[in-house]
PDB file of all heavy atoms in Angstrom:
ATOM      1  N   VAL A   1     -17.510   1.112  -9.287  1.00  0.00           N
ATOM      2  CA  VAL A   1     -18.006   1.442 -10.625  1.00  0.00           C
ATOM      3  C   VAL A   1     -19.518   1.638 -10.625  1.00  0.00           C
ATOM      4  O   VAL A   1     -20.026   2.556 -11.263  1.00  0.00           O
ATOM      5  CB  VAL A   1     -17.592   0.350 -11.642  1.00  0.00           C
ATOM      6  CG1 VAL A   1     -18.253   0.560 -12.992  1.00  0.00           C
ATOM      7  CG2 VAL A   1     -16.077   0.307 -11.788  1.00  0.00           C
ATOM      8  N   GLN A   2     -20.262   0.790  -9.906  1.00  0.00           N
ATOM      9  CA  GLN A   2     -21.722   0.881  -9.918  1.00  0.00           C
ATOM     10  C   GLN A   2     -22.254   2.007  -9.038  1.00  0.00           C
ATOM     11  O   GLN A   2     -23.101   2.779  -9.456  1.00  0.00           O
ATOM     12  CB  GLN A   2     -22.346  -0.443  -9.478  1.00  0.00           C
ATOM     13  CG  GLN A   2     -22.284  -1.509 -10.549  1.00  0.00           C
ATOM     14  CD  GLN A   2     -23.078  -2.744 -10.142  1.00  0.00           C
ATOM     15  OE1 GLN A   2     -23.216  -3.050  -8.950  1.00  0.00           O
ATOM     16  NE2 GLN A   2     -23.602  -3.446 -11.136  1.00  0.00           N
ATOM     17  N   SER A   3     -21.778   2.101  -7.817  1.00  0.00           N
ATOM     18  CA  SER A   3     -22.368   3.044  -6.862  1.00  0.00           C
ATOM     19  C   SER A   3     -21.661   4.399  -6.833  1.00  0.00           C
ATOM     20  O   SER A   3     -22.224   5.374  -6.351  1.00  0.00           O
ATOM     21  CB  SER A   3     -22.337   2.454  -5.445  1.00  0.00           C
ATOM     22  OG  SER A   3     -21.001   2.410  -4.962  1.00  0.00           O
ATOM     23  N   GLY A   4     -20.421   4.443  -7.311  1.00  0.00           N
ATOM     24  CA  GLY A   4     -19.646   5.679  -7.219  1.00  0.00           C
ATOM     25  C   GLY A   4     -19.057   5.918  -5.841  1.00  0.00           C
ATOM     26  O   GLY A   4     -18.384   6.916  -5.605  1.00  0.00           O
ATOM     27  N   GLU A   5     -19.282   4.974  -4.914  1.00  0.00           N
ATOM     28  CA  GLU A   5     -18.770   5.114  -3.552  1.00  0.00           C
ATOM     29  C   GLU A   5     -17.237   5.065  -3.551  1.00  0.00           C
ATOM     30  O   GLU A   5     -16.625   4.207  -4.180  1.00  0.00           O
ATOM     31  CB  GLU A   5     -19.315   3.992  -2.673  1.00  0.00           C
ATOM     32  CG  GLU A   5     -18.826   4.039  -1.249  1.00  0.00           C
ATOM     33  CD  GLU A   5     -19.329   2.866  -0.407  1.00  0.00           C
ATOM     34  OE1 GLU A   5     -20.274   2.179  -0.839  1.00  0.00           O
ATOM     35  OE2 GLU A   5     -18.760   2.655   0.669  1.00  0.00           O
ATOM     36  N   VAL A   6     -16.631   5.995  -2.817  1.00  0.00           N
ATOM     37  CA  VAL A   6     -15.176   6.078  -2.697  1.00  0.00           C
ATOM     38  C   VAL A   6     -14.758   5.423  -1.386  1.00  0.00           C
ATOM     39  O   VAL A   6     -15.391   5.623  -0.347  1.00  0.00           O
ATOM     40  CB  VAL A   6     -14.714   7.554  -2.741  1.00  0.00           C
ATOM     41  CG1 VAL A   6     -13.234   7.671  -2.425  1.00  0.00           C
ATOM     42  CG2 VAL A   6     -15.024   8.163  -4.096  1.00  0.00           C
ATOM     43  N   SER A   7     -13.687   4.619  -1.440  1.00  0.00           N
ATOM     44  CA  SER A   7     -13.157   3.991  -0.230  1.00  0.00           C
ATOM     45  C   SER A   7     -11.637   4.104  -0.222  1.00  0.00           C
ATOM     46  O   SER A   7     -11.011   4.368  -1.246  1.00  0.00           O
ATOM     47  CB  SER A   7     -13.589   2.522  -0.150  1.00  0.00           C
ATOM     48  OG  SER A   7     -13.094   1.805  -1.266  1.00  0.00           O
ATOM     49  N   TYR A   8     -11.082   3.915   0.949  1.00  0.00           N
ATOM     50  CA  TYR A   8      -9.636   3.998   1.164  1.00  0.00           C
ATOM     51  C   TYR A   8      -9.189   2.663   1.761  1.00  0.00           C
ATOM     52  O   TYR A   8      -9.139   2.514   2.981  1.00  0.00           O
ATOM     53  CB  TYR A   8      -9.302   5.173   2.088  1.00  0.00           C
ATOM     54  CG  TYR A   8      -9.723   6.491   1.482  1.00  0.00           C
ATOM     55  CD1 TYR A   8     -11.024   6.985   1.662  1.00  0.00           C
ATOM     56  CD2 TYR A   8      -8.850   7.226   0.700  1.00  0.00           C
ATOM     57  CE1 TYR A   8     -11.425   8.176   1.077  1.00  0.00           C
ATOM     58  CE2 TYR A   8      -9.242   8.429   0.116  1.00  0.00           C
ATOM     59  CZ  TYR A   8     -10.531   8.886   0.306  1.00  0.00           C
ATOM     60  OH  TYR A   8     -10.929  10.063  -0.285  1.00  0.00           O
ATOM     61  N   PRO A   9      -8.874   1.673   0.916  1.00  0.00           N
ATOM     62  CA  PRO A   9      -8.619   0.316   1.409  1.00  0.00           C
ATOM     63  C   PRO A   9      -7.407   0.192   2.326  1.00  0.00           C
ATOM     64  O   PRO A   9      -7.333  -0.740   3.111  1.00  0.00           O
ATOM     65  CB  PRO A   9      -8.420  -0.498   0.135  1.00  0.00           C
ATOM     66  CG  PRO A   9      -8.057   0.493  -0.903  1.00  0.00           C
ATOM     67  CD  PRO A   9      -8.742   1.768  -0.529  1.00  0.00           C
ATOM     68  N   MET A  10      -6.479   1.123   2.268  1.00  0.00           N
ATOM     69  CA  MET A  10      -5.303   1.107   3.144  1.00  0.00           C
ATOM     70  C   MET A  10      -5.391   2.244   4.167  1.00  0.00           C
ATOM     71  O   MET A  10      -4.390   2.635   4.760  1.00  0.00           O
ATOM     72  CB  MET A  10      -4.013   1.253   2.340  1.00  0.00           C
ATOM     73  CG  MET A  10      -3.776   0.175   1.326  1.00  0.00           C
ATOM     74  SD  MET A  10      -3.298  -1.365   2.131  1.00  0.00           S
ATOM     75  CE  MET A  10      -3.250  -2.446   0.723  1.00  0.00           C
ATOM     76  N   GLY A  11      -6.590   2.783   4.342  1.00  0.00           N
ATOM     77  CA  GLY A  11      -6.795   3.876   5.276  1.00  0.00           C
ATOM     78  C   GLY A  11      -6.398   5.221   4.671  1.00  0.00           C
ATOM     79  O   GLY A  11      -5.964   5.304   3.524  1.00  0.00           O
ATOM     80  N   ARG A  12      -6.572   6.267   5.451  1.00  0.00           N
ATOM     81  CA  ARG A  12      -6.276   7.628   4.979  1.00  0.00           C
ATOM     82  C   ARG A  12      -4.784   7.940   4.962  1.00  0.00           C
ATOM     83  O   ARG A  12      -4.369   8.925   4.373  1.00  0.00           O
ATOM     84  CB  ARG A  12      -6.992   8.661   5.867  1.00  0.00           C
ATOM     85  CG  ARG A  12      -8.495   8.608   5.775  1.00  0.00           C
ATOM     86  CD  ARG A  12      -8.975   9.172   4.479  1.00  0.00           C
ATOM     87  NE  ARG A  12     -10.433   9.223   4.458  1.00  0.00           N
ATOM     88  CZ  ARG A  12     -11.114  10.070   3.746  1.00  0.00           C
ATOM     89  NH1 ARG A  12     -10.503  10.944   2.992  1.00  0.00           N
ATOM     90  NH2 ARG A  12     -12.418  10.039   3.780  1.00  0.00           N
ATOM     91  N   HIS A  13      -3.983   7.103   5.623  1.00  0.00           N
ATOM     92  CA  HIS A  13      -2.537   7.346   5.695  1.00  0.00           C
ATOM     93  C   HIS A  13      -1.774   6.079   5.329  1.00  0.00           C
ATOM     94  O   HIS A  13      -1.086   5.485   6.174  1.00  0.00           O
ATOM     95  CB  HIS A  13      -2.152   7.830   7.096  1.00  0.00           C
ATOM     96  CG  HIS A  13      -2.901   9.048   7.519  1.00  0.00           C
ATOM     97  ND1 HIS A  13      -2.622  10.299   7.009  1.00  0.00           N
ATOM     98  CD2 HIS A  13      -3.942   9.201   8.367  1.00  0.00           C
ATOM     99  CE1 HIS A  13      -3.456  11.177   7.531  1.00  0.00           C
ATOM    100  NE2 HIS A  13      -4.278  10.535   8.356  1.00  0.00           N
ATOM    101  N   PRO A  14      -1.887   5.651   4.064  1.00  0.00           N
ATOM    102  CA  PRO A  14      -1.193   4.428   3.663  1.00  0.00           C
ATOM    103  C   PRO A  14       0.321   4.648   3.607  1.00  0.00           C
ATOM    104  O   PRO A  14       0.798   5.787   3.590  1.00  0.00           O
ATOM    105  CB  PRO A  14      -1.744   4.167   2.262  1.00  0.00           C
ATOM    106  CG  PRO A  14      -2.050   5.527   1.732  1.00  0.00           C
ATOM    107  CD  PRO A  14      -2.545   6.297   2.931  1.00  0.00           C
ATOM    108  N   GLU A  15       1.048   3.545   3.611  1.00  0.00           N
ATOM    109  CA  GLU A  15       2.498   3.586   3.494  1.00  0.00           C
ATOM    110  C   GLU A  15       2.906   2.738   2.299  1.00  0.00           C
ATOM    111  O   GLU A  15       2.249   1.746   1.997  1.00  0.00           O
ATOM    112  CB  GLU A  15       3.155   3.036   4.759  1.00  0.00           C
ATOM    113  CG  GLU A  15       2.803   3.827   5.995  1.00  0.00           C
ATOM    114  CD  GLU A  15       3.293   3.194   7.282  1.00  0.00           C
ATOM    115  OE1 GLU A  15       3.457   1.964   7.338  1.00  0.00           O
ATOM    116  OE2 GLU A  15       3.490   3.959   8.232  1.00  0.00           O
ATOM    117  N   GLY A  16       3.977   3.121   1.652  1.00  0.00           N
ATOM    118  CA  GLY A  16       4.449   2.289   0.555  1.00  0.00           C
ATOM    119  C   GLY A  16       5.503   2.965  -0.279  1.00  0.00           C
ATOM    120  O   GLY A  16       5.727   4.176  -0.171  1.00  0.00           O
ATOM    121  N   LEU A  17       6.138   2.158  -1.087  1.00  0.00           N
ATOM    122  CA  LEU A  17       7.125   2.629  -2.050  1.00  0.00           C
ATOM    123  C   LEU A  17       6.885   1.934  -3.383  1.00  0.00           C
ATOM    124  O   LEU A  17       6.495   0.763  -3.422  1.00  0.00           O
ATOM    125  CB  LEU A  17       8.555   2.281  -1.597  1.00  0.00           C
ATOM    126  CG  LEU A  17       9.141   3.053  -0.438  1.00  0.00           C
ATOM    127  CD1 LEU A  17      10.473   2.438  -0.025  1.00  0.00           C
ATOM    128  CD2 LEU A  17       9.341   4.515  -0.815  1.00  0.00           C
ATOM    129  N   ILE A  18       7.118   2.675  -4.451  1.00  0.00           N
ATOM    130  CA  ILE A  18       7.183   2.074  -5.767  1.00  0.00           C
ATOM    131  C   ILE A  18       8.505   2.535  -6.365  1.00  0.00           C
ATOM    132  O   ILE A  18       8.873   3.708  -6.248  1.00  0.00           O
ATOM    133  CB  ILE A  18       5.966   2.428  -6.662  1.00  0.00           C
ATOM    134  CG1 ILE A  18       5.947   1.552  -7.910  1.00  0.00           C
ATOM    135  CG2 ILE A  18       5.922   3.906  -7.011  1.00  0.00           C
ATOM    136  CD1 ILE A  18       4.613   1.572  -8.651  1.00  0.00           C
ATOM    137  N   LEU A  19       9.238   1.579  -6.921  1.00  0.00           N
ATOM    138  CA  LEU A  19      10.563   1.842  -7.466  1.00  0.00           C
ATOM    139  C   LEU A  19      10.582   1.477  -8.939  1.00  0.00           C
ATOM    140  O   LEU A  19      10.078   0.420  -9.330  1.00  0.00           O
ATOM    141  CB  LEU A  19      11.617   0.992  -6.735  1.00  0.00           C
ATOM    142  CG  LEU A  19      11.588   0.998  -5.213  1.00  0.00           C
ATOM    143  CD1 LEU A  19      12.578  -0.026  -4.667  1.00  0.00           C
ATOM    144  CD2 LEU A  19      11.900   2.378  -4.675  1.00  0.00           C
ATOM    145  N   TYR A  20      11.174   2.342  -9.749  1.00  0.00           N
ATOM    146  CA  TYR A  20      11.412   2.073 -11.163  1.00  0.00           C
ATOM    147  C   TYR A  20      12.912   2.223 -11.394  1.00  0.00           C
ATOM    148  O   TYR A  20      13.484   3.254 -11.062  1.00  0.00           O
ATOM    149  CB  TYR A  20      10.656   3.068 -12.049  1.00  0.00           C
ATOM    150  CG  TYR A  20       9.163   2.914 -12.002  1.00  0.00           C
ATOM    151  CD1 TYR A  20       8.393   3.709 -11.173  1.00  0.00           C
ATOM    152  CD2 TYR A  20       8.522   1.966 -12.791  1.00  0.00           C
ATOM    153  CE1 TYR A  20       7.014   3.567 -11.125  1.00  0.00           C
ATOM    154  CE2 TYR A  20       7.147   1.815 -12.749  1.00  0.00           C
ATOM    155  CZ  TYR A  20       6.393   2.619 -11.917  1.00  0.00           C
ATOM    156  OH  TYR A  20       5.038   2.473 -11.869  1.00  0.00           O
ATOM    157  N   THR A  21      13.559   1.189 -11.954  1.00  0.00           N
ATOM    158  CA  THR A  21      15.001   1.225 -12.169  1.00  0.00           C
ATOM    159  C   THR A  21      15.318   1.517 -13.631  1.00  0.00           C
ATOM    160  O   THR A  21      14.504   1.270 -14.520  1.00  0.00           O
ATOM    161  CB  THR A  21      15.658  -0.109 -11.767  1.00  0.00           C
ATOM    162  OG1 THR A  21      15.201  -1.151 -12.655  1.00  0.00           O
ATOM    163  CG2 THR A  21      15.320  -0.475 -10.320  1.00  0.00           C
ATOM    164  N   PHE A  22      16.537   2.030 -13.850  1.00  0.00           N
ATOM    165  CA  PHE A  22      16.966   2.340 -15.212  1.00  0.00           C
ATOM    166  C   PHE A  22      16.998   1.105 -16.101  1.00  0.00           C
ATOM    167  O   PHE A  22      16.796   1.204 -17.308  1.00  0.00           O
ATOM    168  CB  PHE A  22      18.353   3.005 -15.210  1.00  0.00           C
ATOM    169  CG  PHE A  22      18.308   4.469 -14.912  1.00  0.00           C
ATOM    170  CD1 PHE A  22      18.769   4.956 -13.703  1.00  0.00           C
ATOM    171  CD2 PHE A  22      17.790   5.368 -15.829  1.00  0.00           C
ATOM    172  CE1 PHE A  22      18.714   6.319 -13.421  1.00  0.00           C
ATOM    173  CE2 PHE A  22      17.723   6.722 -15.558  1.00  0.00           C
ATOM    174  CZ  PHE A  22      18.197   7.198 -14.347  1.00  0.00           C
ATOM    175  N   ASP A  23      17.240  -0.067 -15.513  1.00  0.00           N
ATOM    176  CA  ASP A  23      17.337  -1.275 -16.326  1.00  0.00           C
ATOM    177  C   ASP A  23      15.999  -1.981 -16.537  1.00  0.00           C
ATOM    178  O   ASP A  23      15.938  -3.102 -17.027  1.00  0.00           O
ATOM    179  CB  ASP A  23      18.389  -2.231 -15.775  1.00  0.00           C
ATOM    180  CG  ASP A  23      18.141  -2.635 -14.333  1.00  0.00           C
ATOM    181  OD1 ASP A  23      17.281  -2.040 -13.664  1.00  0.00           O
ATOM    182  OD2 ASP A  23      18.837  -3.559 -13.869  1.00  0.00           O
ATOM    183  N   GLY A  24      14.882  -1.300 -16.183  1.00  0.00           N
ATOM    184  CA  GLY A  24      13.569  -1.793 -16.572  1.00  0.00           C
ATOM    185  C   GLY A  24      12.831  -2.665 -15.579  1.00  0.00           C
ATOM    186  O   GLY A  24      11.959  -3.438 -15.967  1.00  0.00           O
ATOM    187  N   TYR A  25      13.142  -2.535 -14.298  1.00  0.00           N
ATOM    188  CA  TYR A  25      12.422  -3.300 -13.285  1.00  0.00           C
ATOM    189  C   TYR A  25      11.682  -2.354 -12.339  1.00  0.00           C
ATOM    190  O   TYR A  25      12.051  -1.197 -12.188  1.00  0.00           O
ATOM    191  CB  TYR A  25      13.382  -4.203 -12.492  1.00  0.00           C
ATOM    192  CG  TYR A  25      13.862  -5.347 -13.338  1.00  0.00           C
ATOM    193  CD1 TYR A  25      14.989  -5.204 -14.134  1.00  0.00           C
ATOM    194  CD2 TYR A  25      13.175  -6.556 -13.390  1.00  0.00           C
ATOM    195  CE1 TYR A  25      15.427  -6.236 -14.952  1.00  0.00           C
ATOM    196  CE2 TYR A  25      13.600  -7.592 -14.204  1.00  0.00           C
ATOM    197  CZ  TYR A  25      14.727  -7.424 -14.986  1.00  0.00           C
ATOM    198  OH  TYR A  25      15.139  -8.448 -15.796  1.00  0.00           O
ATOM    199  N   MET A  26      10.639  -2.903 -11.701  1.00  0.00           N
ATOM    200  CA  MET A  26       9.855  -2.118 -10.759  1.00  0.00           C
ATOM    201  C   MET A  26       9.487  -2.994  -9.570  1.00  0.00           C
ATOM    202  O   MET A  26       9.501  -4.224  -9.656  1.00  0.00           O
ATOM    203  CB  MET A  26       8.594  -1.543 -11.429  1.00  0.00           C
ATOM    204  CG  MET A  26       7.596  -2.536 -11.983  1.00  0.00           C
ATOM    205  SD  MET A  26       6.524  -3.365 -10.791  1.00  0.00           S
ATOM    206  CE  MET A  26       5.815  -1.982  -9.948  1.00  0.00           C
ATOM    207  N   SER A  27       9.165  -2.333  -8.471  1.00  0.00           N
ATOM    208  CA  SER A  27       8.679  -3.025  -7.281  1.00  0.00           C
ATOM    209  C   SER A  27       7.698  -2.106  -6.582  1.00  0.00           C
ATOM    210  O   SER A  27       7.973  -0.921  -6.401  1.00  0.00           O
ATOM    211  CB  SER A  27       9.848  -3.354  -6.348  1.00  0.00           C
ATOM    212  OG  SER A  27       9.370  -4.013  -5.185  1.00  0.00           O
ATOM    213  N   ALA A  28       6.554  -2.650  -6.212  1.00  0.00           N
ATOM    214  CA  ALA A  28       5.533  -1.882  -5.498  1.00  0.00           C
ATOM    215  C   ALA A  28       5.196  -2.588  -4.191  1.00  0.00           C
ATOM    216  O   ALA A  28       4.960  -3.797  -4.183  1.00  0.00           O
ATOM    217  CB  ALA A  28       4.271  -1.741  -6.347  1.00  0.00           C
ATOM    218  N   GLN A  29       5.202  -1.818  -3.108  1.00  0.00           N
ATOM    219  CA  GLN A  29       4.861  -2.307  -1.771  1.00  0.00           C
ATOM    220  C   GLN A  29       3.883  -1.306  -1.167  1.00  0.00           C
ATOM    221  O   GLN A  29       4.226  -0.126  -1.038  1.00  0.00           O
ATOM    222  CB  GLN A  29       6.107  -2.382  -0.889  1.00  0.00           C
ATOM    223  CG  GLN A  29       7.270  -3.128  -1.490  1.00  0.00           C
ATOM    224  CD  GLN A  29       7.134  -4.624  -1.378  1.00  0.00           C
ATOM    225  OE1 GLN A  29       6.638  -5.143  -0.387  1.00  0.00           O
ATOM    226  NE2 GLN A  29       7.556  -5.335  -2.399  1.00  0.00           N
ATOM    227  N   LEU A  30       2.679  -1.754  -0.812  1.00  0.00           N
ATOM    228  CA  LEU A  30       1.665  -0.859  -0.249  1.00  0.00           C
ATOM    229  C   LEU A  30       1.097  -1.482   1.017  1.00  0.00           C
ATOM    230  O   LEU A  30       0.763  -2.670   1.006  1.00  0.00           O
ATOM    231  CB  LEU A  30       0.496  -0.671  -1.212  1.00  0.00           C
ATOM    232  CG  LEU A  30       0.719  -0.069  -2.575  1.00  0.00           C
ATOM    233  CD1 LEU A  30       1.267  -1.066  -3.565  1.00  0.00           C
ATOM    234  CD2 LEU A  30      -0.579   0.475  -3.095  1.00  0.00           C
ATOM    235  N   GLY A  31       0.970  -0.689   2.057  1.00  0.00           N
ATOM    236  CA  GLY A  31       0.398  -1.192   3.290  1.00  0.00           C
ATOM    237  C   GLY A  31      -0.380  -0.119   4.029  1.00  0.00           C
ATOM    238  O   GLY A  31      -0.161   1.075   3.840  1.00  0.00           O
ATOM    239  N   SER A  32      -1.269  -0.572   4.881  1.00  0.00           N
ATOM    240  CA  SER A  32      -1.991   0.351   5.746  1.00  0.00           C
ATOM    241  C   SER A  32      -1.017   0.933   6.754  1.00  0.00           C
ATOM    242  O   SER A  32      -0.137   0.225   7.250  1.00  0.00           O
ATOM    243  CB  SER A  32      -3.097  -0.382   6.515  1.00  0.00           C
ATOM    244  OG  SER A  32      -4.052  -0.904   5.633  1.00  0.00           O
ATOM    245  N   GLY A  33      -1.180   2.211   7.082  1.00  0.00           N
ATOM    246  CA  GLY A  33      -0.368   2.814   8.126  1.00  0.00           C
ATOM    247  C   GLY A  33      -0.727   2.224   9.481  1.00  0.00           C
ATOM    248  O   GLY A  33      -1.889   1.919   9.738  1.00  0.00           O
ATOM    249  N   GLY A  34       0.261   2.013  10.337  1.00  0.00           N
ATOM    250  CA  GLY A  34      -0.001   1.524  11.688  1.00  0.00           C
ATOM    251  C   GLY A  34      -0.474   0.089  11.757  1.00  0.00           C
ATOM    252  O   GLY A  34      -1.314  -0.237  12.608  1.00  0.00           O
ATOM    253  N   ARG A  35       0.043  -0.782  10.895  1.00  0.00           N
ATOM    254  CA  ARG A  35      -0.366  -2.194  10.923  1.00  0.00           C
ATOM    255  C   ARG A  35      -0.007  -2.835  12.261  1.00  0.00           C
ATOM    256  O   ARG A  35       1.002  -2.516  12.858  1.00  0.00           O
ATOM    257  CB  ARG A  35       0.329  -2.948   9.783  1.00  0.00           C
ATOM    258  CG  ARG A  35      -0.101  -2.451   8.426  1.00  0.00           C
ATOM    259  CD  ARG A  35       0.750  -3.035   7.307  1.00  0.00           C
ATOM    260  NE  ARG A  35       0.447  -4.444   7.148  1.00  0.00           N
ATOM    261  CZ  ARG A  35       1.359  -5.359   6.836  1.00  0.00           C
ATOM    262  NH1 ARG A  35       2.615  -5.044   6.674  1.00  0.00           N
ATOM    263  NH2 ARG A  35       1.011  -6.617   6.687  1.00  0.00           N
ATOM    264  N   GLU A  36      -0.869  -3.736  12.713  1.00  0.00           N
ATOM    265  CA  GLU A  36      -0.628  -4.462  13.971  1.00  0.00           C
ATOM    266  C   GLU A  36       0.572  -5.383  13.816  1.00  0.00           C
ATOM    267  O   GLU A  36       0.704  -6.075  12.806  1.00  0.00           O
ATOM    268  CB  GLU A  36      -1.856  -5.307  14.343  1.00  0.00           C
ATOM    269  CG  GLU A  36      -3.036  -4.503  14.816  1.00  0.00           C
ATOM    270  CD  GLU A  36      -2.815  -3.900  16.194  1.00  0.00           C
ATOM    271  OE1 GLU A  36      -2.195  -4.550  17.057  1.00  0.00           O
ATOM    272  OE2 GLU A  36      -3.268  -2.760  16.395  1.00  0.00           O
ATOM    273  N   ARG A  37       1.428  -5.384  14.815  1.00  0.00           N
ATOM    274  CA  ARG A  37       2.584  -6.279  14.821  1.00  0.00           C
ATOM    275  C   ARG A  37       2.152  -7.664  15.308  1.00  0.00           C
ATOM    276  O   ARG A  37       1.211  -7.783  16.105  1.00  0.00           O
ATOM    277  CB  ARG A  37       3.674  -5.722  15.722  1.00  0.00           C
ATOM    278  CG  ARG A  37       4.242  -4.417  15.194  1.00  0.00           C
ATOM    279  CD  ARG A  37       5.394  -3.953  16.068  1.00  0.00           C
ATOM    280  NE  ARG A  37       5.939  -2.699  15.585  1.00  0.00           N
ATOM    281  CZ  ARG A  37       6.896  -2.603  14.662  1.00  0.00           C
ATOM    282  NH1 ARG A  37       7.393  -3.681  14.114  1.00  0.00           N
ATOM    283  NH2 ARG A  37       7.339  -1.429  14.280  1.00  0.00           N
ATOM    284  N   PHE A  38       2.863  -8.694  14.850  1.00  0.00           N
ATOM    285  CA  PHE A  38       2.622 -10.045  15.338  1.00  0.00           C
ATOM    286  C   PHE A  38       3.105 -10.146  16.784  1.00  0.00           C
ATOM    287  O   PHE A  38       4.056  -9.469  17.188  1.00  0.00           O
ATOM    288  CB  PHE A  38       3.386 -11.069  14.504  1.00  0.00           C
ATOM    289  CG  PHE A  38       2.896 -11.231  13.080  1.00  0.00           C
ATOM    290  CD1 PHE A  38       3.634 -11.965  12.178  1.00  0.00           C
ATOM    291  CD2 PHE A  38       1.711 -10.660  12.636  1.00  0.00           C
ATOM    292  CE1 PHE A  38       3.205 -12.136  10.873  1.00  0.00           C
ATOM    293  CE2 PHE A  38       1.275 -10.821  11.336  1.00  0.00           C
ATOM    294  CZ  PHE A  38       2.028 -11.573  10.454  1.00  0.00           C
ATOM    295  N   LYS A  39       2.470 -11.003  17.559  1.00  0.00           N
ATOM    296  CA  LYS A  39       2.917 -11.228  18.941  1.00  0.00           C
ATOM    297  C   LYS A  39       4.291 -11.898  18.955  1.00  0.00           C
ATOM    298  O   LYS A  39       5.116 -11.622  19.805  1.00  0.00           O
ATOM    299  CB  LYS A  39       1.896 -12.076  19.692  1.00  0.00           C
ATOM    300  CG  LYS A  39       0.609 -11.324  19.982  1.00  0.00           C
ATOM    301  CD  LYS A  39      -0.398 -12.181  20.692  1.00  0.00           C
ATOM    302  CE  LYS A  39      -1.692 -11.392  20.851  1.00  0.00           C
ATOM    303  NZ  LYS A  39      -2.818 -12.238  21.160  1.00  0.00           N
ATOM    304  N   SER A  40       4.535 -12.776  18.008  1.00  0.00           N
ATOM    305  CA  SER A  40       5.803 -13.489  17.909  1.00  0.00           C
ATOM    306  C   SER A  40       6.795 -12.700  17.062  1.00  0.00           C
ATOM    307  O   SER A  40       6.406 -11.984  16.141  1.00  0.00           O
ATOM    308  CB  SER A  40       5.557 -14.861  17.257  1.00  0.00           C
ATOM    309  OG  SER A  40       6.773 -15.493  16.945  1.00  0.00           O
ATOM    310  N   GLN A  41       8.072 -12.833  17.366  1.00  0.00           N
ATOM    311  CA  GLN A  41       9.114 -12.226  16.538  1.00  0.00           C
ATOM    312  C   GLN A  41       9.469 -13.123  15.346  1.00  0.00           C
ATOM    313  O   GLN A  41      10.257 -12.748  14.489  1.00  0.00           O
ATOM    314  CB  GLN A  41      10.370 -11.962  17.385  1.00  0.00           C
ATOM    315  CG  GLN A  41      10.149 -10.917  18.468  1.00  0.00           C
ATOM    316  CD  GLN A  41       9.666  -9.587  17.890  1.00  0.00           C
ATOM    317  OE1 GLN A  41      10.234  -9.059  16.946  1.00  0.00           O
ATOM    318  NE2 GLN A  41       8.591  -9.054  18.450  1.00  0.00           N
TER     319      GLN A  41
END
């Protein structure tokens, strides 16, 4: 708001889904593309 600087917090290629259902529910999931996997399963 102050500087006008634009940023891409999830990178230039984010991944995600937002769902809207007929019965009035929604779900939003947003992530950076290519997230590092945990070493452990």
